[in-house]
Structures are given as C-alpha cells and as structure tokens.
Amino acid sequence: MSQTTQQKFQRIYQVVALIPSGQVASYGQVADLAGLPRHARLVSKALKLAPERLNLPWHRVIASQLKIAFPASSPMYIEQKQALLAEQVEFNGSKIQAKHHWQPDLFTLLQQLDY
C-alpha cells in the first residue's frame, strides 16, 4: 500500500472513530469529512482492511439511503444490524430512521481531525 493510500486510510479511520454511539454516517459522508470527496468506495475498502486493534465502530457506516450496505440476511448484515440495535438505533423496515444520521458541527471536526 502506498504512503498516500495509508494517509487517506488514516483520515478515514479518524472520522469513523468520531461517529457517536447511536448515530450513523454514510460512506460518502465519511469520505467528505475525511477530505476525500467522491471516494465512498475507498471508505469501504479502508474499513475492510482496518486493523482490529483500532476497534473502529465500522457498524455505524451505512449506505447513503440510510440502509445497511450488505445484502439482507447475510451474516455481515445481521451483525451490523444487531450492533446498531444494541446502540438504540431505530429502523423503519430496512431503513434507519433519519434522526440517527450524524451531523457533526464544524468546530468539533476541526478540533479532533488532523488535516
């Protein structure tokens, strides 16, 4: 992995680590907040390759339609949904209620992210 890819992954990991319990962010939103607009797929790749020692709340990252990105009834879908339900995230069918969509304020981001 190139140095620049590692740096991008680190920025993605920083953003994911900030998502509070009970809230969710889309892959695209994480990419935007990491300074990587239009790189939602890179967020997915970074999370797949994330070292377990980081203990990232990967389950809080979802598709832009406020849905879990894994196929319904797949083991990863079930794991993610159970983790979100344990954090009191509410669903309407397969869609996560909009009130759980994370909207961080700029001041918090600027204080906590290394740009």
Protein backbone atom coordinates (compact mmCIF):
# COMPACT_ATOMS: atom_id res chain seq x y z
CA MET A 1 0.00 0.00 0.00
CA SER A 2 1.37 3.40 -0.96
CA GLN A 3 2.09 6.12 1.57
CA THR A 4 -0.69 8.31 0.21
CA THR A 5 -3.21 5.47 0.46
CA GLN A 6 -2.15 4.86 4.06
CA GLN A 7 -2.62 8.57 4.80
CA LYS A 8 -6.09 8.50 3.25
CA PHE A 9 -6.98 5.43 5.29
CA GLN A 10 -5.80 7.16 8.47
CA ARG A 11 -8.05 10.15 7.76
CA ILE A 12 -10.98 7.80 7.14
CA TYR A 13 -10.25 5.95 10.40
CA GLN A 14 -10.18 9.25 12.30
CA VAL A 15 -13.62 10.21 11.01
CA VAL A 16 -15.16 6.79 11.66
CA ALA A 17 -13.81 6.85 15.20
CA LEU A 18 -15.71 10.12 15.82
CA ILE A 19 -19.17 8.76 14.92
CA PRO A 20 -21.03 8.67 18.24
CA SER A 21 -22.87 5.65 19.56
CA GLY A 22 -26.46 5.61 18.34
CA GLN A 23 -25.67 7.57 15.19
CA VAL A 24 -24.68 6.62 11.65
CA ALA A 25 -22.85 8.19 8.71
CA SER A 26 -22.83 7.20 5.07
CA TYR A 27 -19.72 6.05 3.24
CA GLY A 28 -19.87 9.22 1.16
CA GLN A 29 -20.25 11.42 4.22
CA VAL A 30 -17.20 9.81 5.84
CA ALA A 31 -15.23 10.37 2.64
CA ASP A 32 -16.29 14.04 2.50
CA LEU A 33 -15.40 14.64 6.16
CA ALA A 34 -12.02 12.97 5.61
CA GLY A 35 -11.33 15.43 2.79
CA LEU A 36 -11.83 12.77 0.12
CA PRO A 37 -14.97 13.76 -1.79
CA ARG A 38 -16.36 11.17 -4.21
CA HIS A 39 -14.34 8.39 -2.55
CA ALA A 40 -17.09 6.42 -0.81
CA ARG A 41 -15.70 3.16 -2.18
CA LEU A 42 -12.32 3.96 -0.64
CA VAL A 43 -14.06 4.21 2.74
CA SER A 44 -15.45 0.72 2.22
CA LYS A 45 -12.01 -0.60 1.27
CA ALA A 46 -10.37 1.11 4.24
CA LEU A 47 -12.86 -0.42 6.66
CA LYS A 48 -12.35 -3.88 5.18
CA LEU A 49 -8.59 -3.54 5.68
CA ALA A 50 -8.71 -1.79 9.08
CA PRO A 51 -6.61 -3.46 11.76
CA GLU A 52 -8.78 -4.92 14.52
CA ARG A 53 -6.63 -3.18 17.12
CA LEU A 54 -8.19 0.13 16.04
CA ASN A 55 -11.56 -1.11 17.30
CA LEU A 56 -13.40 1.15 14.85
CA PRO A 57 -17.19 1.41 15.03
CA TRP A 58 -17.47 0.21 11.41
CA HIS A 59 -21.11 -0.74 12.01
CA ARG A 60 -22.03 2.96 12.15
CA VAL A 61 -21.11 3.43 8.48
CA ILE A 62 -24.01 2.80 6.12
CA ALA A 63 -25.22 3.35 2.56
CA SER A 64 -26.42 6.80 1.55
CA GLN A 65 -30.06 5.64 1.52
CA LEU A 66 -29.81 5.16 5.32
CA LYS A 67 -29.62 1.42 4.82
CA ILE A 68 -27.11 -1.25 5.67
CA ALA A 69 -24.99 -1.85 2.58
CA PHE A 70 -24.67 -5.63 2.99
CA PRO A 71 -27.24 -7.94 1.41
CA ALA A 72 -30.18 -8.53 3.75
CA SER A 73 -29.91 -11.78 5.70
CA SER A 74 -26.14 -12.05 5.06
CA PRO A 75 -24.02 -12.65 8.19
CA MET A 76 -22.48 -9.15 7.95
CA TYR A 77 -25.93 -7.54 7.58
CA ILE A 78 -27.16 -9.35 10.67
CA GLU A 79 -24.03 -8.44 12.65
CA GLN A 80 -24.27 -4.77 11.68
CA LYS A 81 -27.99 -4.53 12.39
CA GLN A 82 -27.59 -6.17 15.80
CA ALA A 83 -24.75 -3.79 16.69
CA LEU A 84 -26.87 -0.78 15.68
CA LEU A 85 -29.92 -2.05 17.57
CA ALA A 86 -27.74 -2.51 20.66
CA GLU A 87 -26.97 1.24 20.38
CA GLN A 88 -30.69 2.06 20.23
CA VAL A 89 -30.64 2.88 16.50
CA GLU A 90 -34.20 2.58 15.20
CA PHE A 91 -35.29 1.18 11.85
CA ASN A 92 -38.37 1.62 9.69
CA GLY A 93 -38.27 -1.67 7.83
CA SER A 94 -34.77 -1.84 6.35
CA LYS A 95 -34.18 1.92 6.59
CA ILE A 96 -32.55 3.63 9.56
CA GLN A 97 -34.57 6.50 11.00
CA ALA A 98 -33.15 9.85 9.88
CA LYS A 99 -32.85 11.11 13.46
CA HIS A 100 -29.81 8.80 13.83
CA HIS A 101 -27.93 10.42 10.92
CA TRP A 102 -24.80 12.03 12.36
CA GLN A 103 -24.45 15.74 11.67
CA PRO A 104 -21.21 16.86 13.33
CA ASP A 105 -20.54 20.52 13.83
CA LEU A 106 -17.54 22.03 12.10
CA PHE A 107 -15.89 23.15 15.35
CA THR A 108 -15.83 19.58 16.69
CA LEU A 109 -14.36 18.26 13.47
CA LEU A 110 -11.65 20.89 13.26
CA GLN A 111 -10.63 20.22 16.86
CA GLN A 112 -10.48 16.45 16.51
CA LEU A 113 -9.23 15.76 12.98
CA ASP A 114 -5.64 16.13 11.75
CA TYR A 115 -5.84 17.78 8.36
